[in-house]
Amino acid sequence: MAFLLSKTALSALRLNSKGNDSLTISRRGFHVEPGAREKALLAEDSSLKRFKSPKKSVRRLKIVGDVLTVVVVAGCCYEIYVRAVMREEARKQANESA
């Protein structure tokens, strides 16, 4: 409820302050170039290079993991199906012999 009230209050403020464009300009979110510190943090660090994994091998490992997951799930479904069929055959044989 408070969220709705704040939204309507902001809408009312925006309608009342049409003459002041500084608020609307600041809310647009223009791209700002990163400063020197941000650029230094984003720069590649040679000491961390040995911990970085190549993207191709990571992608390949993910694909192998996904395939293994599908194979295991399919195997489990097959086992459940086989047990259900065997149980049904056992019931039919028990009913015929009784």
PDB file of N, CA and C in Angstrom:
ATOM      1  N   MET A   1       0.821  -1.186   0.000  1.00  0.00           N
ATOM      2  CA  MET A   1       0.000   0.000   0.000  1.00  0.00           C
ATOM      3  C   MET A   1       0.871   1.259   0.000  1.00  0.00           C
ATOM      4  N   ALA A   2       1.935   1.221   0.818  1.00  0.00           N
ATOM      5  CA  ALA A   2       2.834   2.366   0.871  1.00  0.00           C
ATOM      6  C   ALA A   2       3.512   2.580  -0.483  1.00  0.00           C
ATOM      7  N   PHE A   3       3.780   1.469  -1.179  1.00  0.00           N
ATOM      8  CA  PHE A   3       4.398   1.565  -2.495  1.00  0.00           C
ATOM      9  C   PHE A   3       3.495   2.323  -3.460  1.00  0.00           C
ATOM     10  N   LEU A   4       2.209   1.999  -3.421  1.00  0.00           N
ATOM     11  CA  LEU A   4       1.268   2.680  -4.311  1.00  0.00           C
ATOM     12  C   LEU A   4       1.163   4.156  -3.975  1.00  0.00           C
ATOM     13  N   LEU A   5       1.150   4.465  -2.673  1.00  0.00           N
ATOM     14  CA  LEU A   5       1.061   5.864  -2.276  1.00  0.00           C
ATOM     15  C   LEU A   5       2.301   6.642  -2.723  1.00  0.00           C
ATOM     16  N   SER A   6       3.478   6.024  -2.568  1.00  0.00           N
ATOM     17  CA  SER A   6       4.693   6.727  -2.970  1.00  0.00           C
ATOM     18  C   SER A   6       4.719   6.916  -4.480  1.00  0.00           C
ATOM     19  N   LYS A   7       4.225   5.931  -5.229  1.00  0.00           N
ATOM     20  CA  LYS A   7       4.193   6.066  -6.682  1.00  0.00           C
ATOM     21  C   LYS A   7       3.276   7.208  -7.098  1.00  0.00           C
ATOM     22  N   THR A   8       2.100   7.286  -6.474  1.00  0.00           N
ATOM     23  CA  THR A   8       1.175   8.349  -6.848  1.00  0.00           C
ATOM     24  C   THR A   8       1.705   9.699  -6.399  1.00  0.00           C
ATOM     25  N   ALA A   9       2.392   9.723  -5.257  1.00  0.00           N
ATOM     26  CA  ALA A   9       2.964  10.983  -4.789  1.00  0.00           C
ATOM     27  C   ALA A   9       4.053  11.450  -5.748  1.00  0.00           C
ATOM     28  N   LEU A  10       4.876  10.516  -6.231  1.00  0.00           N
ATOM     29  CA  LEU A  10       5.914  10.886  -7.191  1.00  0.00           C
ATOM     30  C   LEU A  10       5.296  11.364  -8.496  1.00  0.00           C
ATOM     31  N   SER A  11       4.226  10.717  -8.903  1.00  0.00           N
ATOM     32  CA  SER A  11       3.564  11.137 -10.135  1.00  0.00           C
ATOM     33  C   SER A  11       3.010  12.542  -9.988  1.00  0.00           C
ATOM     34  N   ALA A  12       2.423  12.847  -8.840  1.00  0.00           N
ATOM     35  CA  ALA A  12       1.869  14.174  -8.605  1.00  0.00           C
ATOM     36  C   ALA A  12       2.983  15.218  -8.584  1.00  0.00           C
ATOM     37  N   LEU A  13       4.121  14.871  -7.974  1.00  0.00           N
ATOM     38  CA  LEU A  13       5.249  15.814  -7.950  1.00  0.00           C
ATOM     39  C   LEU A  13       5.764  16.080  -9.353  1.00  0.00           C
ATOM     40  N   ARG A  14       5.829  15.039 -10.172  1.00  0.00           N
ATOM     41  CA  ARG A  14       6.316  15.224 -11.541  1.00  0.00           C
ATOM     42  C   ARG A  14       5.367  16.102 -12.345  1.00  0.00           C
ATOM     43  N   LEU A  15       4.077  15.924 -12.127  1.00  0.00           N
ATOM     44  CA  LEU A  15       3.113  16.743 -12.863  1.00  0.00           C
ATOM     45  C   LEU A  15       3.205  18.205 -12.446  1.00  0.00           C
ATOM     46  N   ASN A  16       3.456  18.449 -11.147  1.00  0.00           N
ATOM     47  CA  ASN A  16       3.514  19.822 -10.644  1.00  0.00           C
ATOM     48  C   ASN A  16       4.805  20.516 -11.043  1.00  0.00           C
ATOM     49  N   SER A  17       5.869  19.769 -11.305  1.00  0.00           N
ATOM     50  CA  SER A  17       7.167  20.394 -11.577  1.00  0.00           C
ATOM     51  C   SER A  17       7.533  20.271 -13.053  1.00  0.00           C
ATOM     52  N   LYS A  18       6.596  20.524 -13.939  1.00  0.00           N
ATOM     53  CA  LYS A  18       6.901  20.428 -15.366  1.00  0.00           C
ATOM     54  C   LYS A  18       7.876  21.499 -15.813  1.00  0.00           C
ATOM     55  N   GLY A  19       7.906  22.620 -15.135  1.00  0.00           N
ATOM     56  CA  GLY A  19       8.809  23.696 -15.507  1.00  0.00           C
ATOM     57  C   GLY A  19      10.259  23.357 -15.187  1.00  0.00           C
ATOM     58  N   ASN A  20      10.507  22.495 -14.194  1.00  0.00           N
ATOM     59  CA  ASN A  20      11.866  22.157 -13.779  1.00  0.00           C
ATOM     60  C   ASN A  20      12.296  20.861 -14.466  1.00  0.00           C
ATOM     61  N   ASP A  21      13.162  20.963 -15.467  1.00  0.00           N
ATOM     62  CA  ASP A  21      13.598  19.789 -16.221  1.00  0.00           C
ATOM     63  C   ASP A  21      14.819  19.104 -15.622  1.00  0.00           C
ATOM     64  N   SER A  22      15.411  19.678 -14.582  1.00  0.00           N
ATOM     65  CA  SER A  22      16.610  19.071 -14.011  1.00  0.00           C
ATOM     66  C   SER A  22      16.289  17.716 -13.379  1.00  0.00           C
ATOM     67  N   LEU A  23      15.105  17.565 -12.802  1.00  0.00           N
ATOM     68  CA  LEU A  23      14.713  16.296 -12.198  1.00  0.00           C
ATOM     69  C   LEU A  23      14.522  15.233 -13.270  1.00  0.00           C
ATOM     70  N   THR A  24      13.889  15.581 -14.359  1.00  0.00           N
ATOM     71  CA  THR A  24      13.651  14.598 -15.418  1.00  0.00           C
ATOM     72  C   THR A  24      14.944  14.219 -16.120  1.00  0.00           C
ATOM     73  N   ILE A  25      15.856  15.151 -16.254  1.00  0.00           N
ATOM     74  CA  ILE A  25      17.135  14.843 -16.898  1.00  0.00           C
ATOM     75  C   ILE A  25      17.950  13.894 -16.031  1.00  0.00           C
ATOM     76  N   SER A  26      17.982  14.122 -14.709  1.00  0.00           N
ATOM     77  CA  SER A  26      18.776  13.278 -13.829  1.00  0.00           C
ATOM     78  C   SER A  26      18.185  11.875 -13.715  1.00  0.00           C
ATOM     79  N   ARG A  27      16.907  11.701 -13.966  1.00  0.00           N
ATOM     80  CA  ARG A  27      16.276  10.391 -13.831  1.00  0.00           C
ATOM     81  C   ARG A  27      16.432   9.544 -15.097  1.00  0.00           C
ATOM     82  N   ARG A  28      16.949  10.103 -16.173  1.00  0.00           N
ATOM     83  CA  ARG A  28      17.072   9.357 -17.417  1.00  0.00           C
ATOM     84  C   ARG A  28      18.172   8.318 -17.367  1.00  0.00           C
ATOM     85  N   GLY A  29      19.159   8.500 -16.533  1.00  0.00           N
ATOM     86  CA  GLY A  29      20.224   7.521 -16.385  1.00  0.00           C
ATOM     87  C   GLY A  29      21.180   7.478 -17.554  1.00  0.00           C
ATOM     88  N   PHE A  30      21.767   8.601 -17.923  1.00  0.00           N
ATOM     89  CA  PHE A  30      22.740   8.622 -19.002  1.00  0.00           C
ATOM     90  C   PHE A  30      23.964   7.823 -18.609  1.00  0.00           C
ATOM     91  N   HIS A  31      24.652   7.305 -19.616  1.00  0.00           N
ATOM     92  CA  HIS A  31      25.871   6.545 -19.358  1.00  0.00           C
ATOM     93  C   HIS A  31      26.968   7.500 -18.902  1.00  0.00           C
ATOM     94  N   VAL A  32      27.655   7.119 -17.824  1.00  0.00           N
ATOM     95  CA  VAL A  32      28.753   7.917 -17.296  1.00  0.00           C
ATOM     96  C   VAL A  32      30.027   7.103 -17.436  1.00  0.00           C
ATOM     97  N   GLU A  33      31.060   7.706 -17.972  1.00  0.00           N
ATOM     98  CA  GLU A  33      32.339   7.012 -18.130  1.00  0.00           C
ATOM     99  C   GLU A  33      32.914   6.667 -16.766  1.00  0.00           C
ATOM    100  N   PRO A  34      33.472   5.453 -16.613  1.00  0.00           N
ATOM    101  CA  PRO A  34      34.072   5.095 -15.325  1.00  0.00           C
ATOM    102  C   PRO A  34      35.315   5.927 -15.055  1.00  0.00           C
ATOM    103  N   GLY A  35      35.560   6.176 -13.789  1.00  0.00           N
ATOM    104  CA  GLY A  35      36.714   6.966 -13.391  1.00  0.00           C
ATOM    105  C   GLY A  35      37.985   6.135 -13.415  1.00  0.00           C
ATOM    106  N   ALA A  36      39.068   6.731 -12.931  1.00  0.00           N
ATOM    107  CA  ALA A  36      40.367   6.058 -12.948  1.00  0.00           C
ATOM    108  C   ALA A  36      40.357   4.821 -12.051  1.00  0.00           C
ATOM    109  N   ARG A  37      39.723   4.934 -10.884  1.00  0.00           N
ATOM    110  CA  ARG A  37      39.686   3.791  -9.953  1.00  0.00           C
ATOM    111  C   ARG A  37      38.893   2.629 -10.543  1.00  0.00           C
ATOM    112  N   GLU A  38      37.743   2.934 -11.144  1.00  0.00           N
ATOM    113  CA  GLU A  38      36.931   1.884 -11.752  1.00  0.00           C
ATOM    114  C   GLU A  38      37.668   1.210 -12.895  1.00  0.00           C
ATOM    115  N   LYS A  39      38.375   2.015 -13.702  1.00  0.00           N
ATOM    116  CA  LYS A  39      39.142   1.441 -14.813  1.00  0.00           C
ATOM    117  C   LYS A  39      40.261   0.557 -14.296  1.00  0.00           C
ATOM    118  N   ALA A  40      40.895   0.962 -13.192  1.00  0.00           N
ATOM    119  CA  ALA A  40      41.956   0.142 -12.603  1.00  0.00           C
ATOM    120  C   ALA A  40      41.397  -1.166 -12.060  1.00  0.00           C
ATOM    121  N   LEU A  41      40.191  -1.124 -11.485  1.00  0.00           N
ATOM    122  CA  LEU A  41      39.581  -2.346 -10.956  1.00  0.00           C
ATOM    123  C   LEU A  41      39.135  -3.280 -12.075  1.00  0.00           C
ATOM    124  N   LEU A  42      38.734  -2.713 -13.207  1.00  0.00           N
ATOM    125  CA  LEU A  42      38.276  -3.532 -14.328  1.00  0.00           C
ATOM    126  C   LEU A  42      39.419  -4.023 -15.212  1.00  0.00           C
ATOM    127  N   ALA A  43      40.610  -3.483 -15.018  1.00  0.00           N
ATOM    128  CA  ALA A  43      41.751  -3.884 -15.838  1.00  0.00           C
ATOM    129  C   ALA A  43      42.138  -5.331 -15.526  1.00  0.00           C
ATOM    130  N   GLU A  44      42.735  -5.992 -16.524  1.00  0.00           N
ATOM    131  CA  GLU A  44      43.130  -7.385 -16.363  1.00  0.00           C
ATOM    132  C   GLU A  44      44.344  -7.473 -15.443  1.00  0.00           C
ATOM    133  N   ASP A  45      44.271  -8.366 -14.469  1.00  0.00           N
ATOM    134  CA  ASP A  45      45.351  -8.541 -13.500  1.00  0.00           C
ATOM    135  C   ASP A  45      46.115  -9.812 -13.842  1.00  0.00           C
ATOM    136  N   SER A  46      47.423  -9.678 -14.072  1.00  0.00           N
ATOM    137  CA  SER A  46      48.211 -10.837 -14.492  1.00  0.00           C
ATOM    138  C   SER A  46      48.364 -11.863 -13.377  1.00  0.00           C
ATOM    139  N   SER A  47      48.302 -11.461 -12.120  1.00  0.00           N
ATOM    140  CA  SER A  47      48.457 -12.418 -11.024  1.00  0.00           C
ATOM    141  C   SER A  47      47.222 -13.309 -10.879  1.00  0.00           C
ATOM    142  N   LEU A  48      46.087 -12.860 -11.387  1.00  0.00           N
ATOM    143  CA  LEU A  48      44.860 -13.662 -11.294  1.00  0.00           C
ATOM    144  C   LEU A  48      44.629 -14.513 -12.528  1.00  0.00           C
ATOM    145  N   LYS A  49      45.504 -14.407 -13.507  1.00  0.00           N
ATOM    146  CA  LYS A  49      45.305 -15.092 -14.775  1.00  0.00           C
ATOM    147  C   LYS A  49      45.273 -16.618 -14.615  1.00  0.00           C
ATOM    148  N   ARG A  50      46.069 -17.171 -13.694  1.00  0.00           N
ATOM    149  CA  ARG A  50      46.107 -18.628 -13.545  1.00  0.00           C
ATOM    150  C   ARG A  50      44.815 -19.180 -12.950  1.00  0.00           C
ATOM    151  N   PHE A  51      44.012 -18.341 -12.276  1.00  0.00           N
ATOM    152  CA  PHE A  51      42.752 -18.791 -11.697  1.00  0.00           C
ATOM    153  C   PHE A  51      41.589 -18.661 -12.669  1.00  0.00           C
ATOM    154  N   LYS A  52      41.811 -17.985 -13.775  1.00  0.00           N
ATOM    155  CA  LYS A  52      40.741 -17.755 -14.740  1.00  0.00           C
ATOM    156  C   LYS A  52      40.632 -18.949 -15.676  1.00  0.00           C
ATOM    157  N   SER A  53      39.434 -19.432 -15.835  1.00  0.00           N
ATOM    158  CA  SER A  53      39.243 -20.588 -16.703  1.00  0.00           C
ATOM    159  C   SER A  53      38.838 -20.109 -18.098  1.00  0.00           C
ATOM    160  N   PRO A  54      39.351 -20.769 -19.120  1.00  0.00           N
ATOM    161  CA  PRO A  54      38.957 -20.399 -20.479  1.00  0.00           C
ATOM    162  C   PRO A  54      37.465 -20.655 -20.713  1.00  0.00           C
ATOM    163  N   LYS A  55      36.839 -19.795 -21.468  1.00  0.00           N
ATOM    164  CA  LYS A  55      35.395 -19.888 -21.657  1.00  0.00           C
ATOM    165  C   LYS A  55      34.989 -21.149 -22.414  1.00  0.00           C
ATOM    166  N   LYS A  56      35.778 -21.577 -23.385  1.00  0.00           N
ATOM    167  CA  LYS A  56      35.395 -22.739 -24.170  1.00  0.00           C
ATOM    168  C   LYS A  56      35.357 -23.995 -23.316  1.00  0.00           C
ATOM    169  N   SER A  57      36.343 -24.163 -22.441  1.00  0.00           N
ATOM    170  CA  SER A  57      36.348 -25.370 -21.614  1.00  0.00           C
ATOM    171  C   SER A  57      35.217 -25.333 -20.597  1.00  0.00           C
ATOM    172  N   VAL A  58      34.878 -24.156 -20.101  1.00  0.00           N
ATOM    173  CA  VAL A  58      33.759 -24.040 -19.163  1.00  0.00           C
ATOM    174  C   VAL A  58      32.456 -24.375 -19.868  1.00  0.00           C
ATOM    175  N   ARG A  59      32.283 -23.877 -21.088  1.00  0.00           N
ATOM    176  CA  ARG A  59      31.068 -24.170 -21.852  1.00  0.00           C
ATOM    177  C   ARG A  59      30.966 -25.674 -22.129  1.00  0.00           C
ATOM    178  N   ARG A  60      32.091 -26.277 -22.498  1.00  0.00           N
ATOM    179  CA  ARG A  60      32.109 -27.707 -22.777  1.00  0.00           C
ATOM    180  C   ARG A  60      31.767 -28.510 -21.519  1.00  0.00           C
ATOM    181  N   LEU A  61      32.303 -28.083 -20.390  1.00  0.00           N
ATOM    182  CA  LEU A  61      32.024 -28.762 -19.126  1.00  0.00           C
ATOM    183  C   LEU A  61      30.551 -28.641 -18.752  1.00  0.00           C
ATOM    184  N   LYS A  62      29.960 -27.480 -18.992  1.00  0.00           N
ATOM    185  CA  LYS A  62      28.529 -27.305 -18.726  1.00  0.00           C
ATOM    186  C   LYS A  62      27.698 -28.221 -19.612  1.00  0.00           C
ATOM    187  N   ILE A  63      28.064 -28.326 -20.878  1.00  0.00           N
ATOM    188  CA  ILE A  63      27.323 -29.184 -21.806  1.00  0.00           C
ATOM    189  C   ILE A  63      27.427 -30.640 -21.362  1.00  0.00           C
ATOM    190  N   VAL A  64      28.643 -31.057 -20.968  1.00  0.00           N
ATOM    191  CA  VAL A  64      28.825 -32.433 -20.489  1.00  0.00           C
ATOM    192  C   VAL A  64      27.977 -32.668 -19.252  1.00  0.00           C
ATOM    193  N   GLY A  65      27.945 -31.713 -18.343  1.00  0.00           N
ATOM    194  CA  GLY A  65      27.115 -31.840 -17.151  1.00  0.00           C
ATOM    195  C   GLY A  65      25.644 -31.933 -17.483  1.00  0.00           C
ATOM    196  N   ASP A  66      25.188 -31.125 -18.445  1.00  0.00           N
ATOM    197  CA  ASP A  66      23.786 -31.176 -18.853  1.00  0.00           C
ATOM    198  C   ASP A  66      23.446 -32.529 -19.484  1.00  0.00           C
ATOM    199  N   VAL A  67      24.339 -33.041 -20.318  1.00  0.00           N
ATOM    200  CA  VAL A  67      24.108 -34.336 -20.960  1.00  0.00           C
ATOM    201  C   VAL A  67      24.068 -35.436 -19.912  1.00  0.00           C
ATOM    202  N   LEU A  68      24.985 -35.399 -18.966  1.00  0.00           N
ATOM    203  CA  LEU A  68      24.983 -36.412 -17.899  1.00  0.00           C
ATOM    204  C   LEU A  68      23.696 -36.352 -17.078  1.00  0.00           C
ATOM    205  N   THR A  69      23.220 -35.152 -16.811  1.00  0.00           N
ATOM    206  CA  THR A  69      21.970 -35.007 -16.068  1.00  0.00           C
ATOM    207  C   THR A  69      20.813 -35.637 -16.833  1.00  0.00           C
ATOM    208  N   VAL A  70      20.736 -35.370 -18.133  1.00  0.00           N
ATOM    209  CA  VAL A  70      19.658 -35.939 -18.950  1.00  0.00           C
ATOM    210  C   VAL A  70      19.766 -37.456 -18.978  1.00  0.00           C
ATOM    211  N   VAL A  71      20.987 -37.986 -19.102  1.00  0.00           N
ATOM    212  CA  VAL A  71      21.169 -39.438 -19.140  1.00  0.00           C
ATOM    213  C   VAL A  71      20.744 -40.072 -17.824  1.00  0.00           C
ATOM    214  N   VAL A  72      21.106 -39.468 -16.708  1.00  0.00           N
ATOM    215  CA  VAL A  72      20.733 -40.022 -15.403  1.00  0.00           C
ATOM    216  C   VAL A  72      19.227 -39.979 -15.209  1.00  0.00           C
ATOM    217  N   VAL A  73      18.586 -38.884 -15.581  1.00  0.00           N
ATOM    218  CA  VAL A  73      17.125 -38.786 -15.449  1.00  0.00           C
ATOM    219  C   VAL A  73      16.445 -39.806 -16.349  1.00  0.00           C
ATOM    220  N   ALA A  74      16.946 -39.972 -17.572  1.00  0.00           N
ATOM    221  CA  ALA A  74      16.363 -40.960 -18.481  1.00  0.00           C
ATOM    222  C   ALA A  74      16.550 -42.365 -17.923  1.00  0.00           C
ATOM    223  N   GLY A  75      17.706 -42.649 -17.353  1.00  0.00           N
ATOM    224  CA  GLY A  75      17.944 -43.962 -16.750  1.00  0.00           C
ATOM    225  C   GLY A  75      17.009 -44.233 -15.591  1.00  0.00           C
ATOM    226  N   CYS A  76      16.773 -43.230 -14.768  1.00  0.00           N
ATOM    227  CA  CYS A  76      15.845 -43.388 -13.647  1.00  0.00           C
ATOM    228  C   CYS A  76      14.424 -43.641 -14.142  1.00  0.00           C
ATOM    229  N   CYS A  77      14.009 -42.904 -15.156  1.00  0.00           N
ATOM    230  CA  CYS A  77      12.662 -43.110 -15.714  1.00  0.00           C
ATOM    231  C   CYS A  77      12.541 -44.512 -16.302  1.00  0.00           C
ATOM    232  N   TYR A  78      13.588 -44.982 -16.974  1.00  0.00           N
ATOM    233  CA  TYR A  78      13.565 -46.326 -17.539  1.00  0.00           C
ATOM    234  C   TYR A  78      13.464 -47.378 -16.439  1.00  0.00           C
ATOM    235  N   GLU A  79      14.218 -47.209 -15.368  1.00  0.00           N
ATOM    236  CA  GLU A  79      14.154 -48.158 -14.249  1.00  0.00           C
ATOM    237  C   GLU A  79      12.758 -48.195 -13.634  1.00  0.00           C
ATOM    238  N   ILE A  80      12.149 -47.029 -13.461  1.00  0.00           N
ATOM    239  CA  ILE A  80      10.791 -46.977 -12.910  1.00  0.00           C
ATOM    240  C   ILE A  80       9.825 -47.685 -13.843  1.00  0.00           C
ATOM    241  N   TYR A  81       9.962 -47.465 -15.152  1.00  0.00           N
ATOM    242  CA  TYR A  81       9.099 -48.116 -16.135  1.00  0.00           C
ATOM    243  C   TYR A  81       9.275 -49.630 -16.093  1.00  0.00           C
ATOM    244  N   VAL A  82      10.519 -50.114 -16.063  1.00  0.00           N
ATOM    245  CA  VAL A  82      10.775 -51.557 -16.043  1.00  0.00           C
ATOM    246  C   VAL A  82      10.187 -52.177 -14.793  1.00  0.00           C
ATOM    247  N   ARG A  83      10.363 -51.532 -13.648  1.00  0.00           N
ATOM    248  CA  ARG A  83       9.813 -52.091 -12.405  1.00  0.00           C
ATOM    249  C   ARG A  83       8.289 -52.136 -12.452  1.00  0.00           C
ATOM    250  N   ALA A  84       7.668 -51.107 -13.031  1.00  0.00           N
ATOM    251  CA  ALA A  84       6.204 -51.094 -13.122  1.00  0.00           C
ATOM    252  C   ALA A  84       5.727 -52.211 -14.041  1.00  0.00           C
ATOM    253  N   VAL A  85       6.404 -52.430 -15.167  1.00  0.00           N
ATOM    254  CA  VAL A  85       6.016 -53.500 -16.092  1.00  0.00           C
ATOM    255  C   VAL A  85       6.204 -54.864 -15.441  1.00  0.00           C
ATOM    256  N   MET A  86       7.320 -55.051 -14.756  1.00  0.00           N
ATOM    257  CA  MET A  86       7.581 -56.328 -14.087  1.00  0.00           C
ATOM    258  C   MET A  86       6.533 -56.590 -13.003  1.00  0.00           C
ATOM    259  N   ARG A  87       6.172 -55.566 -12.276  1.00  0.00           N
ATOM    260  CA  ARG A  87       5.163 -55.717 -11.226  1.00  0.00           C
ATOM    261  C   ARG A  87       3.820 -56.085 -11.834  1.00  0.00           C
ATOM    262  N   GLU A  88       3.480 -55.463 -12.956  1.00  0.00           N
ATOM    263  CA  GLU A  88       2.208 -55.772 -13.625  1.00  0.00           C
ATOM    264  C   GLU A  88       2.196 -57.202 -14.147  1.00  0.00           C
ATOM    265  N   GLU A  89       3.319 -57.648 -14.714  1.00  0.00           N
ATOM    266  CA  GLU A  89       3.404 -59.034 -15.180  1.00  0.00           C
ATOM    267  C   GLU A  89       3.296 -60.009 -14.021  1.00  0.00           C
ATOM    268  N   ALA A  90       3.906 -59.681 -12.898  1.00  0.00           N
ATOM    269  CA  ALA A  90       3.821 -60.544 -11.717  1.00  0.00           C
ATOM    270  C   ALA A  90       2.384 -60.618 -11.213  1.00  0.00           C
ATOM    271  N   ARG A  91       1.661 -59.526 -11.248  1.00  0.00           N
ATOM    272  CA  ARG A  91       0.251 -59.530 -10.819  1.00  0.00           C
ATOM    273  C   ARG A  91      -0.588 -60.399 -11.758  1.00  0.00           C
ATOM    274  N   LYS A  92      -0.337 -60.289 -13.068  1.00  0.00           N
ATOM    275  CA  LYS A  92      -1.102 -61.086 -14.029  1.00  0.00           C
ATOM    276  C   LYS A  92      -0.833 -62.587 -13.799  1.00  0.00           C
ATOM    277  N   GLN A  93       0.417 -62.930 -13.576  1.00  0.00           N
ATOM    278  CA  GLN A  93       0.752 -64.349 -13.326  1.00  0.00           C
ATOM    279  C   GLN A  93       0.144 -64.821 -12.031  1.00  0.00           C
ATOM    280  N   ALA A  94       0.085 -63.985 -11.003  1.00  0.00           N
ATOM    281  CA  ALA A  94      -0.492 -64.355  -9.721  1.00  0.00           C
ATOM    282  C   ALA A  94      -1.998 -64.552  -9.857  1.00  0.00           C
ATOM    283  N   ASN A  95      -2.657 -63.737 -10.671  1.00  0.00           N
ATOM    284  CA  ASN A  95      -4.094 -63.862 -10.882  1.00  0.00           C
ATOM    285  C   ASN A  95      -4.422 -65.103 -11.711  1.00  0.00           C
ATOM    286  N   GLU A  96      -3.551 -65.438 -12.687  1.00  0.00           N
ATOM    287  CA  GLU A  96      -3.790 -66.639 -13.525  1.00  0.00           C
ATOM    288  C   GLU A  96      -3.608 -67.906 -12.708  1.00  0.00           C
ATOM    289  N   SER A  97      -2.632 -67.927 -11.838  1.00  0.00           N
ATOM    290  CA  SER A  97      -2.360 -69.146 -11.073  1.00  0.00           C
ATOM    291  C   SER A  97      -3.343 -69.291  -9.894  1.00  0.00           C
ATOM    292  N   ALA A  98      -3.992 -68.232  -9.473  1.00  0.00           N
ATOM    293  CA  ALA A  98      -4.913 -68.332  -8.322  1.00  0.00           C
ATOM    294  C   ALA A  98      -6.279 -68.759  -8.703  1.00  0.00           C
TER     295      ALA A  98
END
